[in-house]
Amino acid sequence: MQDLRPEIPRDTHPKLVELIHRCWHKDPCLRPNFSEIIKFLQHINIMIAGKKKKVKVKAKGMHEHD
């Protein structure tokens, strides 16, 4: 097996990249199970949603941060 993996886009959230790499681990026993993946994704979602709440739209194309 060649262990080929697709390239991850540069703008991918770092935590999502971390999860992808964990899922690609050579040893299947070290890969996260489905419930761990769901918890991880929920955590990422909360982090991202929390950051978006702090951004106020001031004018078209301009953002103001708290």
N, C-alpha and C. Protein backbone atom coordinates (compact mmCIF):
# COMPACT_ATOMS: atom_id res chain seq x y z
N MET A 1 0.84 -1.19 0.00
CA MET A 1 0.00 0.00 0.00
C MET A 1 0.89 1.25 0.00
N GLN A 2 0.49 2.25 -0.75
CA GLN A 2 1.32 3.43 -0.93
C GLN A 2 1.04 4.55 0.06
N ASP A 3 0.00 4.46 0.85
CA ASP A 3 -0.35 5.51 1.82
C ASP A 3 -0.53 6.88 1.18
N LEU A 4 -1.09 6.91 0.00
CA LEU A 4 -1.35 8.18 -0.67
C LEU A 4 -2.56 8.85 -0.05
N ARG A 5 -2.48 10.14 0.13
CA ARG A 5 -3.58 10.93 0.70
C ARG A 5 -3.78 12.17 -0.15
N PRO A 6 -5.01 12.64 -0.27
CA PRO A 6 -5.22 13.89 -1.03
C PRO A 6 -4.62 15.07 -0.27
N GLU A 7 -4.30 16.09 -1.01
CA GLU A 7 -3.76 17.32 -0.41
C GLU A 7 -4.88 18.04 0.32
N ILE A 8 -4.58 18.54 1.51
CA ILE A 8 -5.56 19.30 2.29
C ILE A 8 -5.38 20.77 1.93
N PRO A 9 -6.48 21.45 1.55
CA PRO A 9 -6.37 22.87 1.19
C PRO A 9 -5.76 23.69 2.33
N ARG A 10 -4.97 24.68 1.98
CA ARG A 10 -4.27 25.52 2.96
C ARG A 10 -5.21 26.25 3.92
N ASP A 11 -6.39 26.59 3.45
CA ASP A 11 -7.31 27.36 4.29
C ASP A 11 -8.20 26.49 5.18
N THR A 12 -7.89 25.20 5.26
CA THR A 12 -8.65 24.30 6.12
C THR A 12 -8.35 24.62 7.58
N HIS A 13 -9.38 24.64 8.42
CA HIS A 13 -9.21 24.94 9.84
C HIS A 13 -8.18 23.97 10.44
N PRO A 14 -7.22 24.47 11.23
CA PRO A 14 -6.17 23.62 11.79
C PRO A 14 -6.69 22.42 12.60
N LYS A 15 -7.78 22.62 13.32
CA LYS A 15 -8.35 21.52 14.10
C LYS A 15 -8.93 20.44 13.19
N LEU A 16 -9.47 20.85 12.07
CA LEU A 16 -10.01 19.89 11.11
C LEU A 16 -8.86 19.11 10.45
N VAL A 17 -7.76 19.79 10.19
CA VAL A 17 -6.57 19.12 9.65
C VAL A 17 -6.08 18.08 10.65
N GLU A 18 -6.08 18.45 11.92
CA GLU A 18 -5.67 17.51 12.97
C GLU A 18 -6.55 16.25 12.95
N LEU A 19 -7.85 16.45 12.85
CA LEU A 19 -8.77 15.32 12.81
C LEU A 19 -8.53 14.45 11.58
N ILE A 20 -8.34 15.07 10.45
CA ILE A 20 -8.08 14.31 9.21
C ILE A 20 -6.84 13.45 9.37
N HIS A 21 -5.79 14.02 9.93
CA HIS A 21 -4.55 13.26 10.10
C HIS A 21 -4.74 12.10 11.08
N ARG A 22 -5.52 12.33 12.12
CA ARG A 22 -5.81 11.24 13.07
C ARG A 22 -6.59 10.12 12.38
N CYS A 23 -7.52 10.49 11.51
CA CYS A 23 -8.31 9.48 10.79
C CYS A 23 -7.47 8.71 9.78
N TRP A 24 -6.38 9.29 9.33
CA TRP A 24 -5.51 8.66 8.35
C TRP A 24 -4.40 7.83 9.00
N HIS A 25 -4.37 7.74 10.31
CA HIS A 25 -3.28 7.03 10.98
C HIS A 25 -3.12 5.63 10.41
N LYS A 26 -1.87 5.19 10.24
CA LYS A 26 -1.60 3.86 9.67
C LYS A 26 -2.20 2.74 10.52
N ASP A 27 -2.15 2.91 11.82
CA ASP A 27 -2.68 1.89 12.73
C ASP A 27 -4.17 2.17 12.98
N PRO A 28 -5.05 1.33 12.48
CA PRO A 28 -6.49 1.56 12.66
C PRO A 28 -6.91 1.68 14.13
N CYS A 29 -6.17 1.04 15.02
CA CYS A 29 -6.50 1.12 16.45
C CYS A 29 -6.27 2.52 17.02
N LEU A 30 -5.46 3.30 16.35
CA LEU A 30 -5.16 4.66 16.81
C LEU A 30 -6.03 5.72 16.13
N ARG A 31 -6.87 5.29 15.22
CA ARG A 31 -7.81 6.22 14.58
C ARG A 31 -8.99 6.46 15.52
N PRO A 32 -9.56 7.67 15.49
CA PRO A 32 -10.72 7.94 16.35
C PRO A 32 -11.94 7.13 15.89
N ASN A 33 -12.76 6.73 16.87
CA ASN A 33 -14.00 6.06 16.49
C ASN A 33 -15.04 7.13 16.14
N PHE A 34 -16.19 6.68 15.67
CA PHE A 34 -17.18 7.63 15.17
C PHE A 34 -17.65 8.60 16.25
N SER A 35 -17.85 8.12 17.47
CA SER A 35 -18.32 9.02 18.53
C SER A 35 -17.25 10.07 18.86
N GLU A 36 -15.97 9.69 18.79
CA GLU A 36 -14.90 10.67 19.01
C GLU A 36 -14.88 11.72 17.90
N ILE A 37 -15.12 11.27 16.67
CA ILE A 37 -15.15 12.20 15.53
C ILE A 37 -16.28 13.20 15.70
N ILE A 38 -17.46 12.71 16.10
CA ILE A 38 -18.61 13.60 16.31
C ILE A 38 -18.31 14.63 17.40
N LYS A 39 -17.75 14.19 18.52
CA LYS A 39 -17.41 15.12 19.61
C LYS A 39 -16.40 16.17 19.14
N PHE A 40 -15.41 15.71 18.39
CA PHE A 40 -14.38 16.61 17.88
C PHE A 40 -14.99 17.65 16.95
N LEU A 41 -15.87 17.20 16.04
CA LEU A 41 -16.53 18.12 15.11
C LEU A 41 -17.44 19.11 15.83
N GLN A 42 -18.13 18.64 16.87
CA GLN A 42 -18.98 19.54 17.65
C GLN A 42 -18.13 20.60 18.34
N HIS A 43 -16.98 20.20 18.86
CA HIS A 43 -16.07 21.15 19.50
C HIS A 43 -15.59 22.20 18.50
N ILE A 44 -15.21 21.76 17.32
CA ILE A 44 -14.77 22.69 16.27
C ILE A 44 -15.91 23.64 15.91
N ASN A 45 -17.11 23.11 15.78
CA ASN A 45 -18.27 23.93 15.45
C ASN A 45 -18.51 25.00 16.50
N ILE A 46 -18.40 24.66 17.78
CA ILE A 46 -18.58 25.62 18.86
C ILE A 46 -17.51 26.70 18.80
N MET A 47 -16.26 26.28 18.54
CA MET A 47 -15.16 27.25 18.44
C MET A 47 -15.41 28.24 17.31
N ILE A 48 -15.81 27.73 16.15
CA ILE A 48 -16.03 28.58 14.98
C ILE A 48 -17.24 29.47 15.19
N ALA A 49 -18.33 28.91 15.72
CA ALA A 49 -19.54 29.70 15.96
C ALA A 49 -19.27 30.81 16.97
N GLY A 50 -18.47 30.53 17.99
CA GLY A 50 -18.13 31.53 19.00
C GLY A 50 -17.36 32.69 18.41
N LYS A 51 -16.47 32.39 17.48
CA LYS A 51 -15.69 33.45 16.82
C LYS A 51 -16.56 34.29 15.92
N LYS A 52 -17.51 33.66 15.23
CA LYS A 52 -18.39 34.40 14.32
C LYS A 52 -19.30 35.34 15.07
N LYS A 53 -19.69 34.99 16.30
CA LYS A 53 -20.57 35.85 17.09
C LYS A 53 -19.87 37.14 17.48
N LYS A 54 -18.54 37.10 17.56
CA LYS A 54 -17.77 38.27 17.96
C LYS A 54 -17.55 39.26 16.82
N VAL A 55 -17.89 38.86 15.62
CA VAL A 55 -17.68 39.72 14.46
C VAL A 55 -18.97 40.47 14.15
N LYS A 56 -18.88 41.77 14.09
CA LYS A 56 -20.03 42.62 13.75
C LYS A 56 -19.80 43.19 12.36
N VAL A 57 -20.81 43.13 11.55
CA VAL A 57 -20.70 43.69 10.21
C VAL A 57 -20.95 45.19 10.30
N LYS A 58 -19.95 45.99 9.90
CA LYS A 58 -20.04 47.44 9.96
C LYS A 58 -20.57 47.99 8.65
N ALA A 59 -20.00 47.57 7.57
CA ALA A 59 -20.41 48.00 6.24
C ALA A 59 -20.08 46.87 5.29
N LYS A 60 -20.65 46.91 4.13
CA LYS A 60 -20.41 45.85 3.17
C LYS A 60 -18.91 45.66 2.94
N GLY A 61 -18.46 44.42 3.22
CA GLY A 61 -17.06 44.09 3.01
C GLY A 61 -16.14 44.47 4.14
N MET A 62 -16.65 45.16 5.18
CA MET A 62 -15.81 45.55 6.31
C MET A 62 -16.38 44.94 7.57
N HIS A 63 -15.50 44.46 8.44
CA HIS A 63 -15.92 43.84 9.68
C HIS A 63 -15.28 44.53 10.87
N GLU A 64 -16.01 44.57 11.94
CA GLU A 64 -15.50 45.15 13.18
C GLU A 64 -15.45 44.03 14.20
N HIS A 65 -14.31 43.86 14.87
CA HIS A 65 -14.15 42.80 15.86
C HIS A 65 -14.27 43.37 17.26
N ASP A 66 -14.93 42.60 18.15
CA ASP A 66 -15.03 43.00 19.57
C ASP A 66 -13.70 42.85 20.26
